[in-house]
Every structure is written in C-alpha cells, then in structure tokens.
Amino acid sequence: MSGTNLNLKLKVWRQASPKSVGAFVDYQVSVSPDSSFLEMLDEINNNLEKNNQDPIVFESDCREGICGTCGLVINGQPHGPIPRIATCQLHMRNFKDGETIYVEPFRATAFPVIKDLAVDRSAFDKIIQAGGYISVNTGGVPDANEIPISKEIAAEAFDSAACIGCGACVAACKNSSAMLFVGAKVSQFALLPQGQPEREKRVEAMIAKMDELGFGACSNTYACEAECPKGISVKNIARLNREFVKAKLKSQNVEA
C-alpha cells in the first residue's frame, strides 16, 4: 500500500457497441479511500485519454444520489455493497487494499448496452409516457394544498414518489422485472385524489407497456427492495396487483 492509497485491480466491462461482443478488461489503480467510485473511474479515464485510448463510457449527472443515471453493477450488486445509496455515493473506503472489483452494466433485455457501462433505460420513459401523468383542468382550480389529504396517505404517496428510476430493481431481479418501478409510479397517483381520473386506465396502460418492452414477471425474492437506493417497499407491487385486478374487473363490468 503506497501511502494512504488503496491498490486495487478493476475488471471493467468494455463493449464497443450494442451488437459487439464485450469482455472484462483489467485496470490497476491506486486511489484515495476518500474518492468516490465515479471519481476513480474519472481518474482511469484521464489516464486512458493521456495514452490516446478510449475512455470507459459510463453515465452520471447529479452525483448526489438524486437522478439515478449512475447505476452500475459492482461485484454483482447494483450500486455496490452499501445499501440505500446510488453508485455515485459509494466511496472507495468500502473496499480493501488488494481487492479485485468487477464493474459491469445493468443486465436486462429491456436495458440494452449502448457502450461499455452505459445502457439504454428509455424503456422506463416509455412506461411513464403510457400512464404516469394526471389530468387537471386549467383555470380556477382549487389550490392543491386546499385538498384534504391525511398525513399518513400523503407520506405514503411521497415514499412511493421517491423512486428515482435508476433501474437497480430490474438489474437485481432474476427475471428483470420492472414491477417495483411501475408499482411505485402507480401508487404515487393512486393514493392521491389528483390521480383518480386516470386510475384504471393508468395501471392497465403502464403494465401493458411494461410487458411489451420485455420486462419479466415479479420473482418474489425481494431483491428489488434490497437493492433500491431509496428503499422503495415491495408493498407497492402488491398495490399494483390490486389496482390492476380492480381495473380489469371494472373494464369487463364484473362486480368485485
């Protein structure tokens, strides 16, 4: 160990294009334990560029655990070994000197690899476009704060809305299910009066789009909740199932 730095071996997934064959490439790094995981990748890229080599492609934006774009699979775990954080919040002090670290993209048919560690997660956007919205009349509508909502319901809706759409739930699931993501997005509207006009239409449309895009069924292993950086509860999946059954019964004029 040189000074206070950690000497690590990284095995990073490199893939030139969606249709090319990828492979792990080895990198030796000496990094401060106070560096974040993404800062370490930045430093590797700086060295690669100095040597006229292609940098490792990965995604990031806010680097504050808010936007969800930084998702990587680190040693087999989405976002790495520390629970309830995004990849950008993972620091190198959580690894041991001399350790080998595997870094790869989220793996799911619905999240095809673009290049290296970057994947196309636009499938989530398409699910939101299918039903993740509300309709309100413009003009003299009452202020939202004037609509009576109990503290408990408001808090539950907010907990569901905390989903950042990173896709860790999909990457953690052996079936690549998006049920936790869709459940959270359905729940945040189903719990509130503003979400009632499209309630049945929303859940049917979002589930249909989820199935169309190739996401799998819920595996009931709770891996999604365990790996979610915001701790979104699987009770949202139960609510999603109830909402879907009610919507189907109503659309078919069947009494529940």
Protein backbone atom coordinates (compact mmCIF):
# COMPACT_ATOMS: atom_id res chain seq x y z
CA MET A 1 0.00 0.00 0.00
CA SER A 2 1.53 3.29 -1.12
CA GLY A 3 0.87 5.99 1.48
CA THR A 4 -2.83 6.01 2.32
CA ASN A 5 -3.93 4.90 -1.14
CA LEU A 6 -5.67 1.65 -1.95
CA ASN A 7 -4.14 -0.54 -4.64
CA LEU A 8 -6.94 -2.26 -6.49
CA LYS A 9 -7.48 -4.40 -9.56
CA LEU A 10 -10.55 -3.48 -11.59
CA LYS A 11 -12.19 -5.76 -14.10
CA VAL A 12 -14.34 -3.40 -16.17
CA TRP A 13 -16.81 -4.48 -18.82
CA ARG A 14 -15.85 -2.98 -22.20
CA GLN A 15 -18.21 -3.27 -25.15
CA ALA A 16 -17.75 -1.13 -28.25
CA SER A 17 -21.38 -1.15 -29.42
CA PRO A 18 -24.75 -2.79 -28.73
CA LYS A 19 -24.07 -5.58 -31.24
CA SER A 20 -20.41 -6.20 -30.47
CA VAL A 21 -19.08 -8.85 -28.07
CA GLY A 22 -17.95 -7.41 -24.76
CA ALA A 23 -15.34 -8.58 -22.26
CA PHE A 24 -13.79 -7.63 -18.94
CA VAL A 25 -10.60 -5.55 -19.20
CA ASP A 26 -8.14 -5.28 -16.29
CA TYR A 27 -7.01 -1.96 -14.80
CA GLN A 28 -4.62 -1.44 -11.89
CA VAL A 29 -5.43 1.62 -9.80
CA SER A 30 -4.03 3.41 -6.78
CA VAL A 31 -6.78 5.54 -5.31
CA SER A 32 -7.54 7.53 -2.18
CA PRO A 33 -10.10 5.86 0.11
CA ASP A 34 -11.88 9.23 0.21
CA SER A 35 -12.53 9.16 -3.56
CA SER A 36 -15.96 8.20 -4.81
CA PHE A 37 -16.33 5.27 -7.16
CA LEU A 38 -17.11 7.59 -10.07
CA GLU A 39 -14.10 9.79 -9.25
CA MET A 40 -11.95 6.68 -9.51
CA LEU A 41 -13.42 5.94 -12.95
CA ASP A 42 -12.79 9.58 -13.92
CA GLU A 43 -9.12 9.17 -13.00
CA ILE A 44 -8.82 5.97 -15.02
CA ASN A 45 -10.33 7.78 -17.98
CA ASN A 46 -7.90 10.69 -17.59
CA ASN A 47 -5.00 8.24 -17.83
CA LEU A 48 -6.57 6.42 -20.79
CA GLU A 49 -7.03 9.66 -22.69
CA LYS A 50 -3.44 10.72 -21.97
CA ASN A 51 -2.38 7.49 -23.69
CA ASN A 52 -4.75 8.08 -26.63
CA GLN A 53 -7.02 5.21 -25.55
CA ASP A 54 -10.80 5.17 -25.49
CA PRO A 55 -12.18 6.16 -22.06
CA ILE A 56 -14.65 3.93 -20.25
CA VAL A 57 -18.19 5.01 -21.06
CA PHE A 58 -20.46 5.31 -18.04
CA GLU A 59 -23.36 7.57 -17.09
CA SER A 60 -23.65 10.19 -14.36
CA ASP A 61 -25.27 13.55 -13.83
CA CYS A 62 -26.03 14.99 -10.40
CA ARG A 63 -23.59 12.76 -8.46
CA GLU A 64 -25.75 13.37 -5.40
CA GLY A 65 -27.89 10.23 -5.45
CA ILE A 66 -30.87 12.07 -6.91
CA CYS A 67 -31.04 11.46 -10.67
CA GLY A 68 -30.37 7.70 -10.82
CA THR A 69 -28.29 7.75 -14.00
CA CYS A 70 -25.09 6.42 -12.42
CA GLY A 71 -26.21 2.82 -11.92
CA LEU A 72 -23.51 0.16 -12.22
CA VAL A 73 -23.25 -3.44 -11.05
CA ILE A 74 -20.27 -3.67 -8.70
CA ASN A 75 -19.14 -7.12 -7.60
CA GLY A 76 -22.51 -8.47 -8.63
CA GLN A 77 -24.62 -5.89 -6.77
CA PRO A 78 -26.47 -2.98 -8.38
CA HIS A 79 -24.94 0.24 -6.96
CA GLY A 80 -22.38 -1.78 -4.98
CA PRO A 81 -22.17 -3.31 -1.50
CA ILE A 82 -23.58 -0.45 0.61
CA PRO A 83 -27.39 -0.42 0.95
CA ARG A 84 -29.63 2.60 0.25
CA ILE A 85 -27.13 4.56 -1.88
CA ALA A 86 -26.60 5.17 -5.59
CA THR A 87 -23.27 4.35 -7.24
CA CYS A 88 -22.17 7.99 -7.10
CA GLN A 89 -22.36 7.92 -3.30
CA LEU A 90 -20.15 4.84 -2.96
CA HIS A 91 -16.66 5.63 -1.67
CA MET A 92 -13.50 3.58 -2.07
CA ARG A 93 -13.03 3.23 1.69
CA ASN A 94 -15.64 0.48 1.47
CA PHE A 95 -13.11 -1.73 -0.35
CA LYS A 96 -9.92 -3.41 0.88
CA ASP A 97 -6.39 -2.88 -0.32
CA GLY A 98 -5.51 -5.50 -2.95
CA GLU A 99 -9.16 -6.31 -3.71
CA THR A 100 -10.41 -7.19 -7.18
CA ILE A 101 -13.54 -5.30 -8.19
CA TYR A 102 -15.83 -6.32 -11.05
CA VAL A 103 -17.67 -3.45 -12.73
CA GLU A 104 -20.37 -4.12 -15.31
CA PRO A 105 -23.56 -2.55 -16.68
CA PHE A 106 -27.11 -3.30 -15.56
CA ARG A 107 -28.12 -6.56 -17.25
CA ALA A 108 -31.64 -6.75 -18.71
CA THR A 109 -33.11 -7.35 -22.15
CA ALA A 110 -35.08 -4.13 -21.79
CA PHE A 111 -31.85 -2.22 -20.93
CA PRO A 112 -29.58 -2.94 -23.94
CA VAL A 113 -25.94 -1.93 -23.61
CA ILE A 114 -25.08 1.22 -25.55
CA LYS A 115 -21.35 1.09 -24.89
CA ASP A 116 -19.22 -0.23 -22.03
CA LEU A 117 -21.13 0.50 -18.80
CA ALA A 118 -23.88 2.67 -20.31
CA VAL A 119 -27.28 1.12 -21.00
CA ASP A 120 -30.42 2.39 -22.71
CA ARG A 121 -33.05 2.84 -19.99
CA SER A 122 -35.53 4.69 -22.18
CA ALA A 123 -37.93 1.78 -21.57
CA PHE A 124 -38.72 3.43 -18.22
CA ASP A 125 -39.56 6.67 -20.03
CA LYS A 126 -41.95 4.79 -22.31
CA ILE A 127 -43.73 3.27 -19.31
CA ILE A 128 -44.14 6.73 -17.78
CA GLN A 129 -45.43 8.10 -21.09
CA ALA A 130 -48.04 5.33 -21.14
CA GLY A 131 -49.70 6.44 -17.92
CA GLY A 132 -47.51 8.26 -15.44
CA TYR A 133 -49.39 11.55 -15.51
CA ILE A 134 -52.56 13.22 -14.23
CA SER A 135 -55.16 15.41 -15.93
CA VAL A 136 -56.20 18.68 -14.33
CA ASN A 137 -58.45 21.46 -15.54
CA THR A 138 -56.72 24.77 -16.11
CA GLY A 139 -58.21 27.98 -14.80
CA GLY A 140 -59.90 28.47 -11.45
CA VAL A 141 -58.98 25.18 -9.85
CA PRO A 142 -58.52 24.92 -6.09
CA ASP A 143 -55.02 25.08 -4.76
CA ALA A 144 -53.54 21.63 -4.15
CA ASN A 145 -52.93 22.48 -0.52
CA GLU A 146 -56.68 23.01 -0.07
CA ILE A 147 -57.48 19.38 -0.96
CA PRO A 148 -57.78 17.45 2.33
CA ILE A 149 -55.32 14.53 2.42
CA SER A 150 -54.40 12.73 5.60
CA LYS A 151 -50.81 12.90 6.76
CA GLU A 152 -50.47 9.12 6.54
CA ILE A 153 -51.67 8.95 2.92
CA ALA A 154 -49.53 11.93 1.89
CA ALA A 155 -46.46 10.34 3.47
CA GLU A 156 -47.13 7.01 1.76
CA ALA A 157 -47.57 8.70 -1.62
CA PHE A 158 -44.34 10.63 -1.09
CA ASP A 159 -42.46 7.43 -0.21
CA SER A 160 -43.60 5.90 -3.50
CA ALA A 161 -42.72 9.06 -5.43
CA ALA A 162 -39.17 8.90 -4.04
CA CYS A 163 -38.31 6.32 -6.74
CA ILE A 164 -35.55 7.82 -8.93
CA GLY A 165 -36.00 5.35 -11.79
CA CYS A 166 -32.39 4.14 -11.71
CA GLY A 167 -33.27 0.57 -12.72
CA ALA A 168 -31.48 -1.20 -9.87
CA CYS A 169 -34.67 -3.15 -9.17
CA VAL A 170 -34.59 -4.52 -12.72
CA ALA A 171 -30.88 -5.34 -12.52
CA ALA A 172 -31.33 -7.13 -9.19
CA CYS A 173 -34.27 -9.28 -10.31
CA LYS A 174 -33.54 -12.68 -11.86
CA ASN A 175 -36.50 -12.07 -14.19
CA SER A 176 -35.55 -8.43 -14.93
CA SER A 177 -38.92 -7.33 -13.59
CA ALA A 178 -39.93 -3.66 -13.53
CA MET A 179 -42.78 -4.29 -11.08
CA LEU A 180 -41.26 -2.24 -8.25
CA PHE A 181 -40.71 0.76 -10.52
CA VAL A 182 -44.20 0.55 -12.06
CA GLY A 183 -45.75 -0.16 -8.66
CA ALA A 184 -44.17 2.96 -7.19
CA LYS A 185 -45.29 5.14 -10.09
CA VAL A 186 -48.84 3.78 -9.98
CA SER A 187 -49.00 4.09 -6.18
CA GLN A 188 -47.96 7.72 -6.01
CA PHE A 189 -51.02 8.67 -8.07
CA ALA A 190 -53.49 6.02 -6.88
CA LEU A 191 -53.14 7.22 -3.30
CA LEU A 192 -53.97 10.86 -4.08
CA PRO A 193 -57.23 12.47 -5.25
CA GLN A 194 -55.42 14.11 -8.19
CA GLY A 195 -54.67 10.69 -9.62
CA GLN A 196 -58.20 9.31 -9.65
CA PRO A 197 -59.45 10.33 -13.16
CA GLU A 198 -56.95 8.03 -14.96
CA ARG A 199 -56.69 5.44 -12.17
CA GLU A 200 -57.89 2.37 -14.09
CA LYS A 201 -56.56 3.47 -17.45
CA ARG A 202 -53.14 4.25 -15.94
CA VAL A 203 -52.44 0.86 -14.41
CA GLU A 204 -53.61 -1.07 -17.46
CA ALA A 205 -51.58 1.08 -19.86
CA MET A 206 -48.38 1.01 -17.80
CA ILE A 207 -48.46 -2.74 -17.25
CA ALA A 208 -49.21 -3.34 -20.94
CA LYS A 209 -46.22 -1.18 -21.90
CA MET A 210 -44.02 -2.93 -19.33
CA ASP A 211 -44.88 -6.32 -20.82
CA GLU A 212 -44.43 -5.05 -24.39
CA LEU A 213 -40.91 -3.82 -23.62
CA GLY A 214 -39.72 -7.22 -22.42
CA PHE A 215 -39.58 -6.87 -18.64
CA GLY A 216 -40.14 -10.11 -16.75
CA ALA A 217 -42.58 -11.08 -14.02
CA CYS A 218 -42.04 -10.44 -10.31
CA SER A 219 -39.77 -13.10 -8.80
CA ASN A 220 -40.99 -12.54 -5.19
CA THR A 221 -37.42 -12.64 -3.84
CA TYR A 222 -37.47 -9.02 -2.52
CA ALA A 223 -34.13 -8.41 -4.27
CA CYS A 224 -35.59 -5.25 -5.81
CA GLU A 225 -36.34 -3.69 -2.43
CA ALA A 226 -32.96 -4.76 -1.04
CA GLU A 227 -31.02 -3.09 -3.85
CA CYS A 228 -33.18 0.03 -4.27
CA PRO A 229 -31.17 3.13 -3.26
CA LYS A 230 -34.35 4.77 -1.97
CA GLY A 231 -35.70 1.72 -0.17
CA ILE A 232 -38.95 1.57 -2.15
CA SER A 233 -41.13 -1.06 -0.48
CA VAL A 234 -42.44 -4.16 -2.26
CA LYS A 235 -45.86 -3.27 -0.87
CA ASN A 236 -46.06 -1.08 -3.97
CA ILE A 237 -46.05 -4.27 -6.04
CA ALA A 238 -48.96 -5.61 -4.00
CA ARG A 239 -50.84 -2.36 -4.59
CA LEU A 240 -50.03 -2.52 -8.31
CA ASN A 241 -51.55 -6.01 -8.50
CA ARG A 242 -54.68 -4.89 -6.64
CA GLU A 243 -55.07 -1.82 -8.85
CA PHE A 244 -54.68 -3.96 -11.98
CA VAL A 245 -57.26 -6.54 -10.89
CA LYS A 246 -59.76 -3.81 -9.97
CA ALA A 247 -59.20 -2.06 -13.30
CA LYS A 248 -59.75 -5.28 -15.24
CA LEU A 249 -62.90 -6.11 -13.32
CA LYS A 250 -64.26 -2.63 -13.94
CA SER A 251 -63.41 -2.65 -17.65
CA GLN A 252 -65.17 -6.01 -18.00
CA ASN A 253 -68.16 -4.87 -15.91
CA VAL A 254 -67.52 -7.55 -13.29
CA GLU A 255 -68.52 -6.86 -9.71
CA ALA A 256 -65.57 -7.16 -7.31
